[in-house]
Amino acid sequence: MLPVGIGVVALLMVGAAAYLFSYKILPPPGTAPVIADEENSTYASTPCIVANTLDRELINNRGEVNDADKALELKPYANEKTIADVTADPRWSRDKTCNFANGFDQIVTRWMRITGYRSRWAEDGHWRW
């Protein structure tokens, strides 16, 4: 009888782990700002801009990017939009390098929701990371 009990406990543990680590992918809110590359019809998240995980450079002042007192100086072909702006127009696509670096969506497991997690976006939709 003992091996059956161990099997049941193991099965319950595997089921609980599968449940707790199941996830959903949260896309950015429509108000989240992005930097759009008008020539390539791509857009990148602010964290990708700061980390320089982009297909091509979109700002002029790379050396000042971590200085909170300095605003980002965009290249002539770049401008600021929101996620809602770019997702409403089918010609826009995510910057491939930024997307590969998980620069847009947030993966949230049930375990994270139970224990509390910090959203990538502030209440106003701006990026936190």
Protein backbone atom coordinates (compact mmCIF):
# COMPACT_ATOMS: atom_id res chain seq x y z
CA MET A 1 0.00 0.00 0.00
CA LEU A 2 2.93 2.32 0.63
CA PRO A 3 4.08 2.53 -3.04
CA VAL A 4 0.55 3.52 -4.13
CA GLY A 5 0.48 6.28 -1.49
CA ILE A 6 3.83 7.59 -2.65
CA GLY A 7 2.60 7.55 -6.25
CA VAL A 8 -0.54 9.49 -5.35
CA VAL A 9 1.47 12.07 -3.39
CA ALA A 10 3.94 12.39 -6.28
CA LEU A 11 1.08 12.82 -8.75
CA LEU A 12 -0.52 15.50 -6.57
CA MET A 13 2.81 17.32 -6.26
CA VAL A 14 3.36 17.27 -10.02
CA GLY A 15 -0.20 18.52 -10.56
CA ALA A 16 0.24 21.31 -8.00
CA ALA A 17 3.55 22.35 -9.58
CA ALA A 18 1.99 22.36 -13.06
CA TYR A 19 -0.86 24.51 -11.78
CA LEU A 20 1.36 26.95 -9.87
CA PHE A 21 3.82 27.38 -12.73
CA SER A 22 1.25 27.68 -15.49
CA TYR A 23 1.42 31.17 -16.90
CA LYS A 24 -0.19 33.79 -18.99
CA ILE A 25 1.47 36.40 -21.13
CA LEU A 26 0.49 39.98 -20.40
CA PRO A 27 0.92 42.38 -23.31
CA PRO A 28 1.79 46.03 -22.67
CA PRO A 29 -1.14 48.37 -22.06
CA GLY A 30 -2.22 50.61 -24.93
CA THR A 31 -0.84 53.66 -23.16
CA ALA A 32 2.70 52.26 -22.92
CA PRO A 33 5.08 54.49 -24.89
CA VAL A 34 7.28 53.04 -27.61
CA ILE A 35 9.82 54.53 -29.99
CA ALA A 36 8.86 54.00 -33.61
CA ASP A 37 11.28 53.68 -36.49
CA GLU A 38 9.36 55.38 -39.33
CA GLU A 39 11.69 54.08 -42.05
CA ASN A 40 11.49 50.41 -41.05
CA SER A 41 7.92 50.49 -39.64
CA THR A 42 9.13 48.88 -36.42
CA TYR A 43 8.83 49.94 -32.80
CA ALA A 44 10.76 49.24 -29.61
CA SER A 45 9.98 49.49 -25.91
CA THR A 46 11.68 52.02 -23.66
CA PRO A 47 13.62 49.28 -21.82
CA CYS A 48 15.05 48.07 -25.14
CA ILE A 49 16.01 51.63 -26.04
CA VAL A 50 17.85 52.03 -22.72
CA ALA A 51 19.53 48.59 -22.91
CA ASN A 52 20.33 49.05 -26.62
CA THR A 53 18.72 45.74 -27.61
CA LEU A 54 17.52 47.01 -30.98
CA ASP A 55 17.80 46.19 -34.67
CA ARG A 56 19.16 49.71 -35.18
CA GLU A 57 19.89 52.75 -33.02
CA LEU A 58 16.96 55.08 -32.45
CA ILE A 59 18.53 57.71 -30.19
CA ASN A 60 21.39 60.19 -30.56
CA ASN A 61 22.53 60.46 -26.94
CA ARG A 62 23.49 56.86 -26.08
CA GLY A 63 26.06 58.05 -23.51
CA GLU A 64 23.40 59.95 -21.53
CA VAL A 65 20.69 57.28 -21.57
CA ASN A 66 21.06 56.44 -17.85
CA ASP A 67 20.99 60.09 -16.76
CA ALA A 68 17.43 60.74 -15.52
CA ASP A 69 17.92 64.49 -16.04
CA LYS A 70 18.53 64.05 -19.78
CA ALA A 71 15.72 63.40 -22.24
CA LEU A 72 16.18 60.88 -25.03
CA GLU A 73 17.23 62.61 -28.25
CA LEU A 74 15.58 60.66 -31.05
CA LYS A 75 17.10 60.08 -34.48
CA PRO A 76 15.34 61.96 -37.33
CA TYR A 77 13.53 58.78 -38.40
CA ALA A 78 12.29 57.94 -34.88
CA ASN A 79 9.38 59.30 -32.88
CA GLU A 80 7.35 58.41 -29.82
CA LYS A 81 4.04 56.59 -30.14
CA THR A 82 1.99 54.34 -27.89
CA ILE A 83 1.29 50.63 -28.15
CA ALA A 84 -2.28 51.53 -29.12
CA ASP A 85 -1.01 53.67 -32.01
CA VAL A 86 1.20 50.97 -33.50
CA THR A 87 -1.11 48.00 -32.94
CA ALA A 88 -3.98 49.85 -34.65
CA ASP A 89 -1.95 50.03 -37.89
CA PRO A 90 -1.01 46.68 -39.48
CA ARG A 91 2.13 48.08 -41.15
CA TRP A 92 3.88 48.33 -37.76
CA SER A 93 5.77 45.39 -36.27
CA ARG A 94 7.86 44.84 -33.17
CA ASP A 95 11.60 45.37 -33.39
CA LYS A 96 12.87 41.79 -33.74
CA THR A 97 15.86 42.16 -31.39
CA CYS A 98 13.72 43.86 -28.75
CA ASN A 99 11.02 41.22 -29.05
CA PHE A 100 13.60 38.41 -28.79
CA ALA A 101 14.94 40.05 -25.61
CA ASN A 102 11.42 39.90 -24.09
CA GLY A 103 11.18 43.66 -24.34
CA PHE A 104 7.42 43.85 -24.60
CA ASP A 105 5.32 41.20 -22.86
CA GLN A 106 5.45 39.99 -19.27
CA ILE A 107 5.13 36.31 -18.41
CA VAL A 108 3.27 35.88 -15.12
CA THR A 109 2.86 32.50 -13.44
CA ARG A 110 0.07 31.65 -11.00
CA TRP A 111 2.76 31.39 -8.32
CA MET A 112 3.82 34.97 -9.03
CA ARG A 113 0.20 36.14 -8.80
CA ILE A 114 -0.23 34.33 -5.46
CA THR A 115 2.98 35.68 -3.94
CA GLY A 116 2.64 39.12 -5.50
CA TYR A 117 4.54 40.40 -8.48
CA ARG A 118 5.48 43.77 -9.83
CA SER A 119 4.02 44.66 -13.17
CA ARG A 120 6.35 45.93 -15.87
CA TRP A 121 4.04 48.90 -16.25
CA ALA A 122 3.06 51.68 -13.88
CA GLU A 123 -0.61 52.60 -13.47
CA ASP A 124 -0.26 55.21 -16.23
CA GLY A 125 1.18 52.60 -18.62
CA HIS A 126 4.79 53.74 -18.54
CA TRP A 127 7.51 51.08 -18.38
CA ARG A 128 8.99 50.33 -14.95
CA TRP A 129 12.11 48.46 -15.97
